[in-house]
Amino acid sequence: MPLTPEEPQIHESAQGPRVTPAASRTAQTPRPVPGPRPAAVPRPGRPGPSPAAASRAGGAPRPAPSAQRAPQATGPVPATHTAPSVSAAVPQIQLIPASAEGALDAAEEAVDLLLDTGRAPGDILVLTTGDPHPWAAHELSFGEAAYWALHDAGDDVFYADAAQVKRAAGRPVVVFAANGGPVGATAAALPTALTRAGALLIVCGDPQQINSVLGAGV
């Protein structure tokens, strides 16, 4: 049966899928292209590390959430305890209502909150059905091999086309942005994305569409 909106209160556990929609996002100004992930041998002319990469050893520490932004009661609130392994439990589901134009921004906000509340960058996989995330587009400019090597390293947030979800390895948290793309892209990729999430699947998109897919696939 369709999932109905309510105030989001996420608790990562092994109780099975549960959807708690949050407030709707509106389209925002596209974010600038983040920097690439650091490599063993820096490529000439490449920009500096991304904000997520800077939080690891050797980078500048992330400021406390209270110093950066006002509380965002409508965003996902990951649990504070250690998440189970990718195969340990059926993931919970967080639905963030958003238009196709605003889904990627909503996904970025979700990633920011996950990092600010203690998630390791390597715990997070972000999938997009439409335009790729700027980071993915940038790294793909260096070739498929180098791009997927960053995925295999598993030490930072990884952004990928939802059509490539079967190639992506599982991670504790998967953020799925239904930001347009081919007709049926969400229906084709979302069930597999659910299997890639170890503890939590965050879906940003049209609630009616998401409910129709998850209602049949869960």
N, C-alpha and C. Protein backbone atom coordinates (compact mmCIF):
# COMPACT_ATOMS: atom_id res chain seq x y z
N MET A 1 0.85 -1.18 0.00
CA MET A 1 0.00 0.00 0.00
C MET A 1 0.88 1.23 0.00
N PRO A 2 0.43 2.40 -0.55
CA PRO A 2 1.28 3.60 -0.63
C PRO A 2 1.76 4.05 0.72
N LEU A 3 2.96 4.62 0.73
CA LEU A 3 3.55 5.14 1.95
C LEU A 3 3.07 6.56 2.17
N THR A 4 2.72 6.91 3.40
CA THR A 4 2.19 8.23 3.68
C THR A 4 3.21 9.07 4.40
N PRO A 5 3.24 10.40 4.11
CA PRO A 5 4.24 11.29 4.73
C PRO A 5 4.08 11.40 6.23
N GLU A 6 5.20 11.54 6.91
CA GLU A 6 5.22 11.83 8.33
C GLU A 6 6.56 12.42 8.67
N GLU A 7 6.71 12.95 9.89
CA GLU A 7 7.99 13.54 10.29
C GLU A 7 9.07 12.47 10.27
N PRO A 8 10.22 12.70 9.59
CA PRO A 8 11.26 11.67 9.47
C PRO A 8 12.01 11.44 10.77
N GLN A 9 12.08 10.21 11.21
CA GLN A 9 12.88 9.80 12.36
C GLN A 9 13.55 8.49 12.00
N ILE A 10 14.77 8.55 11.46
CA ILE A 10 15.44 7.34 10.99
C ILE A 10 16.20 6.69 12.12
N HIS A 11 16.04 5.42 12.27
CA HIS A 11 16.85 4.61 13.18
C HIS A 11 17.32 3.40 12.42
N GLU A 12 18.59 3.29 12.18
CA GLU A 12 19.11 2.16 11.42
C GLU A 12 19.05 0.91 12.29
N SER A 13 18.32 -0.06 11.85
CA SER A 13 18.17 -1.30 12.60
C SER A 13 17.90 -2.42 11.63
N ALA A 14 17.63 -3.58 12.12
CA ALA A 14 17.35 -4.75 11.28
C ALA A 14 15.86 -5.03 11.23
N GLN A 15 14.99 -3.99 11.38
CA GLN A 15 13.56 -4.21 11.43
C GLN A 15 12.93 -4.24 10.06
N GLY A 16 13.68 -4.09 8.99
CA GLY A 16 13.11 -4.16 7.67
C GLY A 16 12.85 -2.78 7.09
N PRO A 17 12.44 -2.70 5.82
CA PRO A 17 12.23 -1.42 5.16
C PRO A 17 11.15 -0.59 5.81
N ARG A 18 11.38 0.69 5.94
CA ARG A 18 10.38 1.61 6.47
C ARG A 18 10.61 2.95 5.81
N VAL A 19 9.56 3.56 5.32
CA VAL A 19 9.69 4.84 4.62
C VAL A 19 9.06 5.94 5.44
N THR A 20 9.84 7.00 5.68
CA THR A 20 9.33 8.15 6.40
C THR A 20 9.66 9.40 5.61
N PRO A 21 8.73 9.86 4.75
CA PRO A 21 9.03 11.02 3.90
C PRO A 21 9.35 12.25 4.69
N ALA A 22 10.18 13.10 4.12
CA ALA A 22 10.54 14.38 4.71
C ALA A 22 9.93 15.48 3.87
N ALA A 23 10.22 16.72 4.25
CA ALA A 23 9.62 17.85 3.54
C ALA A 23 10.17 17.96 2.13
N SER A 24 9.36 18.51 1.24
CA SER A 24 9.74 18.62 -0.18
C SER A 24 10.82 19.65 -0.40
N ARG A 25 11.76 19.30 -1.30
CA ARG A 25 12.79 20.25 -1.69
C ARG A 25 12.36 20.96 -2.95
N THR A 26 12.79 22.15 -3.13
CA THR A 26 12.58 22.85 -4.39
C THR A 26 13.89 22.91 -5.13
N ALA A 27 13.81 23.19 -6.43
CA ALA A 27 15.04 23.23 -7.24
C ALA A 27 15.94 24.33 -6.74
N GLN A 28 17.24 24.08 -6.71
CA GLN A 28 18.20 25.05 -6.25
C GLN A 28 19.24 25.29 -7.33
N THR A 29 20.02 26.32 -7.14
CA THR A 29 21.09 26.62 -8.10
C THR A 29 22.09 25.48 -8.11
N PRO A 30 22.45 24.95 -9.32
CA PRO A 30 23.39 23.82 -9.40
C PRO A 30 24.66 24.11 -8.61
N ARG A 31 25.17 23.09 -7.94
CA ARG A 31 26.37 23.23 -7.14
C ARG A 31 27.59 23.26 -8.04
N PRO A 32 28.65 23.94 -7.65
CA PRO A 32 29.89 23.93 -8.45
C PRO A 32 30.52 22.56 -8.45
N VAL A 33 31.33 22.30 -9.44
CA VAL A 33 31.99 21.00 -9.56
C VAL A 33 32.94 20.79 -8.41
N PRO A 34 32.71 19.72 -7.62
CA PRO A 34 33.65 19.46 -6.51
C PRO A 34 34.99 19.04 -7.06
N GLY A 35 35.99 19.14 -6.22
CA GLY A 35 37.32 18.69 -6.62
C GLY A 35 37.38 17.17 -6.70
N PRO A 36 38.36 16.64 -7.38
CA PRO A 36 38.50 15.18 -7.49
C PRO A 36 39.07 14.58 -6.23
N ARG A 37 39.02 13.29 -6.16
CA ARG A 37 39.59 12.56 -5.03
C ARG A 37 41.10 12.48 -5.20
N PRO A 38 41.85 12.53 -4.09
CA PRO A 38 43.32 12.47 -4.21
C PRO A 38 43.79 11.13 -4.73
N ALA A 39 44.81 11.14 -5.56
CA ALA A 39 45.39 9.90 -6.08
C ALA A 39 46.82 9.78 -5.61
N ALA A 40 47.40 8.58 -5.79
CA ALA A 40 48.76 8.34 -5.34
C ALA A 40 49.73 9.26 -6.07
N VAL A 41 49.46 9.47 -7.38
CA VAL A 41 50.29 10.38 -8.17
C VAL A 41 49.36 11.44 -8.73
N PRO A 42 49.37 12.66 -8.18
CA PRO A 42 48.42 13.70 -8.63
C PRO A 42 48.53 13.95 -10.12
N ARG A 43 47.36 14.13 -10.76
CA ARG A 43 47.36 14.46 -12.17
C ARG A 43 47.66 15.94 -12.34
N PRO A 44 48.47 16.32 -13.31
CA PRO A 44 48.80 17.75 -13.51
C PRO A 44 47.54 18.56 -13.77
N GLY A 45 47.45 19.70 -13.13
CA GLY A 45 46.37 20.62 -13.41
C GLY A 45 45.05 20.28 -12.76
N ARG A 46 44.96 19.22 -11.95
CA ARG A 46 43.68 18.86 -11.33
C ARG A 46 43.44 19.73 -10.11
N PRO A 47 42.17 20.05 -9.84
CA PRO A 47 41.85 20.86 -8.65
C PRO A 47 42.09 20.10 -7.37
N GLY A 48 41.95 20.79 -6.25
CA GLY A 48 42.21 20.18 -4.95
C GLY A 48 41.16 19.16 -4.57
N PRO A 49 41.31 18.52 -3.41
CA PRO A 49 40.40 17.46 -2.97
C PRO A 49 39.02 18.00 -2.66
N SER A 50 38.03 17.10 -2.73
CA SER A 50 36.65 17.46 -2.45
C SER A 50 36.45 17.69 -0.97
N PRO A 51 35.31 18.31 -0.58
CA PRO A 51 35.03 18.49 0.86
C PRO A 51 35.02 17.19 1.61
N ALA A 52 34.50 16.12 1.01
CA ALA A 52 34.48 14.84 1.71
C ALA A 52 35.89 14.30 1.91
N ALA A 53 36.73 14.47 0.86
CA ALA A 53 38.09 13.97 0.98
C ALA A 53 38.87 14.74 2.03
N ALA A 54 38.57 16.02 2.19
CA ALA A 54 39.29 16.84 3.15
C ALA A 54 39.05 16.41 4.58
N SER A 55 37.96 15.65 4.81
CA SER A 55 37.66 15.21 6.17
C SER A 55 38.51 14.02 6.59
N ARG A 56 39.20 13.38 5.62
CA ARG A 56 40.04 12.25 5.98
C ARG A 56 41.38 12.73 6.48
N ALA A 57 42.25 11.79 6.88
CA ALA A 57 43.57 12.11 7.40
C ALA A 57 44.35 12.92 6.38
N GLY A 58 44.99 13.97 6.86
CA GLY A 58 45.77 14.81 5.98
C GLY A 58 45.01 16.01 5.45
N GLY A 59 43.65 16.03 5.61
CA GLY A 59 42.86 17.14 5.13
C GLY A 59 42.39 17.99 6.30
N ALA A 60 41.81 19.13 5.98
CA ALA A 60 41.27 20.00 7.03
C ALA A 60 40.03 19.36 7.62
N PRO A 61 39.87 19.38 8.96
CA PRO A 61 38.70 18.75 9.57
C PRO A 61 37.43 19.50 9.21
N ARG A 62 36.31 18.77 9.14
CA ARG A 62 35.01 19.38 8.86
C ARG A 62 34.57 20.19 10.06
N PRO A 63 34.09 21.42 9.88
CA PRO A 63 33.58 22.20 11.02
C PRO A 63 32.38 21.50 11.63
N ALA A 64 32.13 21.79 12.90
CA ALA A 64 30.97 21.21 13.56
C ALA A 64 29.71 21.68 12.86
N PRO A 65 28.66 20.83 12.78
CA PRO A 65 27.44 21.21 12.07
C PRO A 65 26.86 22.53 12.55
N SER A 66 26.92 22.80 13.87
CA SER A 66 26.33 24.02 14.39
C SER A 66 27.03 25.27 13.89
N ALA A 67 28.30 25.16 13.49
CA ALA A 67 29.04 26.30 13.00
C ALA A 67 28.81 26.53 11.52
N GLN A 68 28.19 25.57 10.84
CA GLN A 68 28.04 25.65 9.39
C GLN A 68 26.64 26.02 8.94
N ARG A 69 25.65 25.43 9.57
CA ARG A 69 24.29 25.59 9.07
C ARG A 69 23.28 25.48 10.19
N ALA A 70 22.10 25.99 9.96
CA ALA A 70 21.02 25.87 10.94
C ALA A 70 20.52 24.43 10.92
N PRO A 71 19.92 23.96 12.02
CA PRO A 71 19.40 22.60 12.05
C PRO A 71 18.42 22.36 10.91
N GLN A 72 18.50 21.19 10.29
CA GLN A 72 17.61 20.85 9.19
C GLN A 72 16.72 19.69 9.62
N ALA A 73 15.60 20.05 10.20
CA ALA A 73 14.72 19.04 10.77
C ALA A 73 14.11 18.15 9.71
N THR A 74 14.10 18.60 8.45
CA THR A 74 13.43 17.82 7.42
C THR A 74 14.36 16.83 6.73
N GLY A 75 15.64 16.87 7.01
CA GLY A 75 16.58 15.98 6.35
C GLY A 75 16.67 14.64 7.06
N PRO A 76 17.38 13.68 6.45
CA PRO A 76 17.54 12.38 7.10
C PRO A 76 18.40 12.51 8.34
N VAL A 77 18.08 11.75 9.35
CA VAL A 77 18.82 11.81 10.61
C VAL A 77 19.39 10.42 10.89
N PRO A 78 20.61 10.15 10.40
CA PRO A 78 21.18 8.82 10.59
C PRO A 78 21.37 8.50 12.07
N ALA A 79 21.34 7.23 12.38
CA ALA A 79 21.53 6.80 13.76
C ALA A 79 22.97 7.03 14.19
N THR A 80 23.17 7.14 15.51
CA THR A 80 24.51 7.42 16.01
C THR A 80 25.29 6.14 16.30
N HIS A 81 24.61 5.01 16.38
CA HIS A 81 25.34 3.78 16.66
C HIS A 81 26.01 3.26 15.40
N THR A 82 26.92 2.32 15.56
CA THR A 82 27.65 1.76 14.42
C THR A 82 26.69 0.99 13.53
N ALA A 83 26.75 1.27 12.23
CA ALA A 83 25.84 0.61 11.30
C ALA A 83 26.25 -0.83 11.07
N PRO A 84 25.28 -1.70 10.77
CA PRO A 84 25.62 -3.09 10.46
C PRO A 84 26.35 -3.17 9.14
N SER A 85 26.97 -4.29 8.88
CA SER A 85 27.67 -4.48 7.62
C SER A 85 26.66 -4.52 6.49
N VAL A 86 27.17 -4.44 5.25
CA VAL A 86 26.30 -4.36 4.09
C VAL A 86 25.37 -5.56 4.00
N SER A 87 25.77 -6.73 4.46
CA SER A 87 24.95 -7.92 4.34
C SER A 87 24.25 -8.29 5.64
N ALA A 88 24.37 -7.44 6.67
CA ALA A 88 23.88 -7.83 7.99
C ALA A 88 22.39 -7.72 8.14
N ALA A 89 21.72 -6.78 7.44
CA ALA A 89 20.31 -6.57 7.68
C ALA A 89 19.65 -5.95 6.46
N VAL A 90 18.32 -6.06 6.45
CA VAL A 90 17.55 -5.40 5.41
C VAL A 90 17.58 -3.90 5.69
N PRO A 91 17.89 -3.08 4.70
CA PRO A 91 18.02 -1.64 4.97
C PRO A 91 16.68 -0.97 5.23
N GLN A 92 16.73 0.12 5.96
CA GLN A 92 15.57 0.98 6.10
C GLN A 92 15.54 1.93 4.92
N ILE A 93 14.37 2.56 4.70
CA ILE A 93 14.20 3.45 3.56
C ILE A 93 13.75 4.82 4.04
N GLN A 94 14.43 5.85 3.58
CA GLN A 94 14.06 7.24 3.86
C GLN A 94 13.67 7.89 2.53
N LEU A 95 12.45 8.41 2.46
CA LEU A 95 11.99 9.08 1.25
C LEU A 95 12.01 10.59 1.46
N ILE A 96 12.72 11.30 0.59
CA ILE A 96 12.75 12.76 0.61
C ILE A 96 12.04 13.25 -0.64
N PRO A 97 10.80 13.75 -0.52
CA PRO A 97 10.08 14.23 -1.70
C PRO A 97 10.83 15.37 -2.38
N ALA A 98 10.95 15.28 -3.70
CA ALA A 98 11.66 16.31 -4.46
C ALA A 98 11.26 16.19 -5.92
N SER A 99 11.29 17.32 -6.62
CA SER A 99 11.05 17.30 -8.06
C SER A 99 12.29 16.72 -8.74
N ALA A 100 12.14 16.40 -10.02
CA ALA A 100 13.31 15.90 -10.76
C ALA A 100 14.42 16.94 -10.76
N GLU A 101 14.04 18.22 -10.84
CA GLU A 101 15.04 19.29 -10.85
C GLU A 101 15.72 19.47 -9.50
N GLY A 102 15.03 19.14 -8.42
CA GLY A 102 15.58 19.35 -7.08
C GLY A 102 16.14 18.10 -6.42
N ALA A 103 16.02 16.95 -7.09
CA ALA A 103 16.43 15.68 -6.46
C ALA A 103 17.92 15.62 -6.17
N LEU A 104 18.74 16.13 -7.07
CA LEU A 104 20.19 16.06 -6.86
C LEU A 104 20.61 16.96 -5.69
N ASP A 105 20.00 18.13 -5.59
CA ASP A 105 20.30 19.01 -4.46
C ASP A 105 19.87 18.36 -3.14
N ALA A 106 18.70 17.71 -3.16
CA ALA A 106 18.24 17.02 -1.96
C ALA A 106 19.20 15.90 -1.57
N ALA A 107 19.72 15.21 -2.56
CA ALA A 107 20.68 14.14 -2.30
C ALA A 107 21.97 14.70 -1.70
N GLU A 108 22.42 15.86 -2.20
CA GLU A 108 23.62 16.49 -1.67
C GLU A 108 23.44 16.89 -0.22
N GLU A 109 22.25 17.41 0.10
CA GLU A 109 21.97 17.78 1.49
C GLU A 109 22.00 16.54 2.38
N ALA A 110 21.46 15.44 1.87
CA ALA A 110 21.47 14.20 2.63
C ALA A 110 22.90 13.73 2.89
N VAL A 111 23.75 13.81 1.88
CA VAL A 111 25.15 13.41 2.04
C VAL A 111 25.84 14.31 3.07
N ASP A 112 25.60 15.61 3.00
CA ASP A 112 26.21 16.53 3.97
C ASP A 112 25.82 16.16 5.39
N LEU A 113 24.55 15.86 5.61
CA LEU A 113 24.09 15.50 6.95
C LEU A 113 24.69 14.17 7.41
N LEU A 114 24.79 13.22 6.50
CA LEU A 114 25.40 11.94 6.85
C LEU A 114 26.85 12.13 7.30
N LEU A 115 27.61 12.94 6.57
CA LEU A 115 29.00 13.19 6.93
C LEU A 115 29.10 13.97 8.23
N ASP A 116 28.23 14.96 8.40
CA ASP A 116 28.27 15.78 9.61
C ASP A 116 27.90 15.00 10.86
N THR A 117 27.12 13.94 10.70
CA THR A 117 26.71 13.15 11.87
C THR A 117 27.55 11.90 12.05
N GLY A 118 28.69 11.83 11.36
CA GLY A 118 29.64 10.77 11.67
C GLY A 118 29.83 9.68 10.66
N ARG A 119 29.07 9.67 9.57
CA ARG A 119 29.27 8.65 8.56
C ARG A 119 30.61 8.85 7.85
N ALA A 120 31.33 7.77 7.62
CA ALA A 120 32.57 7.85 6.86
C ALA A 120 32.24 8.07 5.39
N PRO A 121 33.02 8.88 4.67
CA PRO A 121 32.74 9.10 3.25
C PRO A 121 32.64 7.80 2.45
N GLY A 122 33.49 6.83 2.79
CA GLY A 122 33.47 5.56 2.07
C GLY A 122 32.25 4.71 2.32
N ASP A 123 31.38 5.13 3.26
CA ASP A 123 30.14 4.40 3.54
C ASP A 123 29.03 4.73 2.56
N ILE A 124 29.24 5.76 1.73
CA ILE A 124 28.13 6.35 0.97
C ILE A 124 28.31 6.17 -0.54
N LEU A 125 27.24 5.68 -1.17
CA LEU A 125 27.15 5.58 -2.63
C LEU A 125 25.97 6.44 -3.07
N VAL A 126 26.19 7.32 -4.05
CA VAL A 126 25.13 8.19 -4.57
C VAL A 126 24.85 7.80 -6.02
N LEU A 127 23.57 7.54 -6.33
CA LEU A 127 23.17 7.15 -7.67
C LEU A 127 22.23 8.21 -8.25
N THR A 128 22.40 8.52 -9.54
CA THR A 128 21.55 9.50 -10.21
C THR A 128 20.95 8.88 -11.46
N THR A 129 19.65 9.18 -11.72
CA THR A 129 18.99 8.63 -12.90
C THR A 129 19.12 9.54 -14.12
N GLY A 130 19.34 10.84 -13.87
CA GLY A 130 19.42 11.80 -14.97
C GLY A 130 20.83 12.33 -15.16
N ASP A 131 20.98 13.65 -15.14
CA ASP A 131 22.31 14.24 -15.30
C ASP A 131 23.25 13.73 -14.21
N PRO A 132 24.49 13.41 -14.56
CA PRO A 132 25.42 12.91 -13.54
C PRO A 132 25.80 14.00 -12.55
N HIS A 133 26.21 13.58 -11.37
CA HIS A 133 26.74 14.53 -10.40
C HIS A 133 28.01 15.15 -11.00
N PRO A 134 28.27 16.43 -10.76
CA PRO A 134 29.47 17.07 -11.34
C PRO A 134 30.76 16.33 -11.03
N TRP A 135 30.86 15.75 -9.83
CA TRP A 135 32.08 15.01 -9.51
C TRP A 135 32.26 13.81 -10.44
N ALA A 136 31.16 13.08 -10.69
CA ALA A 136 31.24 11.91 -11.57
C ALA A 136 31.64 12.34 -12.98
N ALA A 137 31.03 13.41 -13.46
CA ALA A 137 31.37 13.88 -14.81
C ALA A 137 32.84 14.27 -14.89
N HIS A 138 33.36 14.90 -13.84
CA HIS A 138 34.77 15.31 -13.83
C HIS A 138 35.70 14.09 -13.83
N GLU A 139 35.44 13.14 -12.95
CA GLU A 139 36.34 11.99 -12.86
C GLU A 139 36.27 11.10 -14.10
N LEU A 140 35.10 11.02 -14.72
CA LEU A 140 34.99 10.22 -15.95
C LEU A 140 35.78 10.83 -17.09
N SER A 141 36.10 12.12 -16.99
CA SER A 141 36.91 12.75 -18.03
C SER A 141 38.33 12.18 -18.06
N PHE A 142 38.74 11.50 -16.99
CA PHE A 142 40.07 10.87 -16.94
C PHE A 142 40.02 9.40 -17.36
N GLY A 143 38.82 8.94 -17.75
CA GLY A 143 38.70 7.57 -18.24
C GLY A 143 37.96 6.66 -17.28
N GLU A 144 37.30 5.67 -17.84
CA GLU A 144 36.51 4.71 -17.06
C GLU A 144 37.36 3.95 -16.04
N ALA A 145 38.57 3.56 -16.44
CA ALA A 145 39.42 2.76 -15.55
C ALA A 145 39.76 3.53 -14.27
N ALA A 146 40.18 4.78 -14.45
CA ALA A 146 40.53 5.59 -13.28
C ALA A 146 39.30 5.87 -12.42
N TYR A 147 38.18 6.09 -13.07
CA TYR A 147 36.92 6.38 -12.36
C TYR A 147 36.52 5.20 -11.47
N TRP A 148 36.49 3.99 -12.03
CA TRP A 148 36.08 2.82 -11.26
C TRP A 148 37.14 2.38 -10.26
N ALA A 149 38.39 2.79 -10.48
CA ALA A 149 39.42 2.51 -9.48
C ALA A 149 39.11 3.27 -8.19
N LEU A 150 38.55 4.47 -8.31
CA LEU A 150 38.15 5.23 -7.13
C LEU A 150 37.01 4.53 -6.40
N HIS A 151 36.10 3.93 -7.17
CA HIS A 151 35.02 3.14 -6.57
C HIS A 151 35.59 1.96 -5.79
N ASP A 152 36.52 1.25 -6.41
CA ASP A 152 37.09 0.06 -5.77
C ASP A 152 37.90 0.41 -4.53
N ALA A 153 38.51 1.60 -4.52
CA ALA A 153 39.27 2.01 -3.33
C ALA A 153 38.36 2.17 -2.13
N GLY A 154 37.13 2.62 -2.37
CA GLY A 154 36.12 2.69 -1.32
C GLY A 154 36.45 3.60 -0.15
N ASP A 155 37.22 4.67 -0.39
CA ASP A 155 37.59 5.53 0.73
C ASP A 155 36.95 6.91 0.66
N ASP A 156 35.97 7.09 -0.25
CA ASP A 156 35.28 8.38 -0.34
C ASP A 156 33.88 8.17 -0.89
N VAL A 157 33.05 9.21 -0.80
CA VAL A 157 31.72 9.17 -1.41
C VAL A 157 31.89 8.90 -2.90
N PHE A 158 31.09 7.98 -3.44
CA PHE A 158 31.20 7.67 -4.86
C PHE A 158 29.88 7.98 -5.54
N TYR A 159 29.95 8.69 -6.67
CA TYR A 159 28.77 9.10 -7.42
C TYR A 159 28.74 8.33 -8.74
N ALA A 160 27.60 7.73 -9.05
CA ALA A 160 27.51 6.92 -10.26
C ALA A 160 26.14 7.05 -10.90
N ASP A 161 26.08 6.73 -12.20
CA ASP A 161 24.81 6.67 -12.92
C ASP A 161 24.03 5.47 -12.40
N ALA A 162 22.74 5.66 -12.15
CA ALA A 162 21.92 4.57 -11.64
C ALA A 162 21.90 3.38 -12.61
N ALA A 163 22.12 3.64 -13.89
CA ALA A 163 22.15 2.56 -14.87
C ALA A 163 23.33 1.62 -14.62
N GLN A 164 24.35 2.10 -13.86
CA GLN A 164 25.52 1.28 -13.54
C GLN A 164 25.43 0.64 -12.16
N VAL A 165 24.23 0.64 -11.57
CA VAL A 165 24.10 0.17 -10.19
C VAL A 165 24.53 -1.28 -10.02
N LYS A 166 24.35 -2.10 -11.03
CA LYS A 166 24.75 -3.50 -10.89
C LYS A 166 26.26 -3.66 -10.81
N ARG A 167 26.99 -2.69 -11.34
CA ARG A 167 28.45 -2.73 -11.27
C ARG A 167 28.96 -2.22 -9.93
N ALA A 168 28.17 -1.42 -9.26
CA ALA A 168 28.59 -0.83 -7.99
C ALA A 168 28.50 -1.85 -6.86
N ALA A 169 29.50 -1.81 -5.98
CA ALA A 169 29.49 -2.69 -4.81
C ALA A 169 28.58 -2.09 -3.74
N GLY A 170 28.13 -2.93 -2.82
CA GLY A 170 27.27 -2.47 -1.75
C GLY A 170 28.02 -1.57 -0.77
N ARG A 171 27.28 -0.63 -0.19
CA ARG A 171 27.81 0.24 0.86
C ARG A 171 26.74 0.39 1.93
N PRO A 172 27.12 0.75 3.15
CA PRO A 172 26.11 0.88 4.21
C PRO A 172 24.97 1.82 3.87
N VAL A 173 25.27 2.93 3.17
CA VAL A 173 24.23 3.90 2.82
C VAL A 173 24.24 4.16 1.32
N VAL A 174 23.06 4.07 0.71
CA VAL A 174 22.91 4.43 -0.70
C VAL A 174 21.92 5.59 -0.78
N VAL A 175 22.32 6.65 -1.49
CA VAL A 175 21.46 7.81 -1.72
C VAL A 175 21.07 7.79 -3.19
N PHE A 176 19.77 7.71 -3.47
CA PHE A 176 19.26 7.56 -4.83
C PHE A 176 18.53 8.84 -5.23
N ALA A 177 19.05 9.53 -6.25
CA ALA A 177 18.43 10.77 -6.73
C ALA A 177 17.70 10.50 -8.04
N ALA A 178 16.37 10.55 -8.00
CA ALA A 178 15.55 10.36 -9.20
C ALA A 178 15.44 11.72 -9.90
N ASN A 179 16.50 12.11 -10.58
CA ASN A 179 16.60 13.45 -11.16
C ASN A 179 16.38 13.44 -12.67
N GLY A 180 15.38 12.68 -13.12
CA GLY A 180 15.05 12.64 -14.54
C GLY A 180 15.69 11.46 -15.23
N GLY A 181 16.07 11.67 -16.49
CA GLY A 181 16.67 10.58 -17.26
C GLY A 181 15.62 9.85 -18.09
N PRO A 182 15.99 8.71 -18.67
CA PRO A 182 15.08 7.95 -19.51
C PRO A 182 13.83 7.51 -18.75
N VAL A 183 12.73 7.37 -19.49
CA VAL A 183 11.51 6.85 -18.88
C VAL A 183 11.78 5.44 -18.35
N GLY A 184 11.39 5.21 -17.12
CA GLY A 184 11.59 3.89 -16.53
C GLY A 184 12.93 3.72 -15.84
N ALA A 185 13.77 4.77 -15.83
CA ALA A 185 15.10 4.64 -15.21
C ALA A 185 14.99 4.36 -13.72
N THR A 186 14.08 5.03 -13.04
CA THR A 186 13.93 4.81 -11.60
C THR A 186 13.41 3.41 -11.32
N ALA A 187 12.39 3.00 -12.06
CA ALA A 187 11.81 1.67 -11.85
C ALA A 187 12.84 0.57 -12.13
N ALA A 188 13.73 0.80 -13.10
CA ALA A 188 14.72 -0.22 -13.45
C ALA A 188 15.84 -0.32 -12.43
N ALA A 189 16.24 0.82 -11.85
CA ALA A 189 17.43 0.83 -10.99
C ALA A 189 17.14 0.76 -9.49
N LEU A 190 16.00 1.29 -9.06
CA LEU A 190 15.75 1.41 -7.62
C LEU A 190 15.72 0.08 -6.88
N PRO A 191 15.08 -0.98 -7.40
CA PRO A 191 15.11 -2.26 -6.67
C PRO A 191 16.52 -2.78 -6.45
N THR A 192 17.41 -2.61 -7.45
CA THR A 192 18.79 -3.06 -7.29
C THR A 192 19.53 -2.17 -6.30
N ALA A 193 19.23 -0.87 -6.33
CA ALA A 193 19.85 0.05 -5.37
C ALA A 193 19.52 -0.37 -3.94
N LEU A 194 18.31 -0.86 -3.73
CA LEU A 194 17.91 -1.33 -2.40
C LEU A 194 18.79 -2.50 -1.94
N THR A 195 19.16 -3.36 -2.87
CA THR A 195 20.02 -4.50 -2.51
C THR A 195 21.45 -4.07 -2.24
N ARG A 196 21.85 -2.89 -2.71
CA ARG A 196 23.21 -2.41 -2.49
C ARG A 196 23.36 -1.67 -1.15
N ALA A 197 22.23 -1.32 -0.53
CA ALA A 197 22.26 -0.57 0.73
C ALA A 197 22.30 -1.53 1.91
N GLY A 198 23.32 -1.40 2.75
CA GLY A 198 23.44 -2.29 3.89
C GLY A 198 22.57 -1.89 5.06
N ALA A 199 22.46 -0.58 5.34
CA ALA A 199 21.71 -0.12 6.50
C ALA A 199 20.61 0.86 6.14
N LEU A 200 20.84 1.70 5.12
CA LEU A 200 19.91 2.78 4.84
C LEU A 200 19.89 3.12 3.35
N LEU A 201 18.67 3.25 2.80
CA LEU A 201 18.49 3.73 1.44
C LEU A 201 17.71 5.03 1.52
N ILE A 202 18.30 6.12 1.02
CA ILE A 202 17.64 7.42 0.98
C ILE A 202 17.26 7.70 -0.47
N VAL A 203 15.96 7.90 -0.71
CA VAL A 203 15.48 8.13 -2.07
C VAL A 203 14.94 9.54 -2.19
N CYS A 204 15.47 10.31 -3.13
CA CYS A 204 15.04 11.69 -3.36
C CYS A 204 14.31 11.74 -4.70
N GLY A 205 13.02 12.02 -4.66
CA GLY A 205 12.26 12.04 -5.89
C GLY A 205 10.77 12.19 -5.65
N ASP A 206 9.99 11.93 -6.69
CA ASP A 206 8.54 12.06 -6.63
C ASP A 206 7.95 10.93 -5.78
N PRO A 207 7.24 11.27 -4.69
CA PRO A 207 6.72 10.22 -3.78
C PRO A 207 5.83 9.20 -4.46
N GLN A 208 4.96 9.65 -5.38
CA GLN A 208 4.05 8.73 -6.05
C GLN A 208 4.83 7.71 -6.89
N GLN A 209 5.84 8.20 -7.59
CA GLN A 209 6.65 7.30 -8.41
C GLN A 209 7.44 6.33 -7.55
N ILE A 210 8.04 6.85 -6.46
CA ILE A 210 8.85 5.99 -5.59
C ILE A 210 7.99 4.94 -4.93
N ASN A 211 6.81 5.33 -4.45
CA ASN A 211 5.90 4.37 -3.82
C ASN A 211 5.48 3.28 -4.78
N SER A 212 5.24 3.65 -6.04
CA SER A 212 4.80 2.65 -7.01
C SER A 212 5.90 1.62 -7.26
N VAL A 213 7.16 2.08 -7.24
CA VAL A 213 8.28 1.15 -7.49
C VAL A 213 8.55 0.29 -6.25
N LEU A 214 8.69 0.92 -5.10
CA LEU A 214 9.01 0.18 -3.88
C LEU A 214 7.84 -0.68 -3.42
N GLY A 215 6.61 -0.23 -3.71
CA GLY A 215 5.45 -1.04 -3.32
C GLY A 215 5.43 -2.36 -4.04
N ALA A 216 5.98 -2.39 -5.26
CA ALA A 216 6.02 -3.63 -6.02
C ALA A 216 7.28 -4.43 -5.77
N GLY A 217 8.34 -3.71 -5.35
CA GLY A 217 9.64 -4.38 -5.24
C GLY A 217 10.05 -4.77 -3.85
N VAL A 218 9.36 -4.25 -2.81
CA VAL A 218 9.78 -4.55 -1.44
C VAL A 218 8.96 -5.69 -0.88
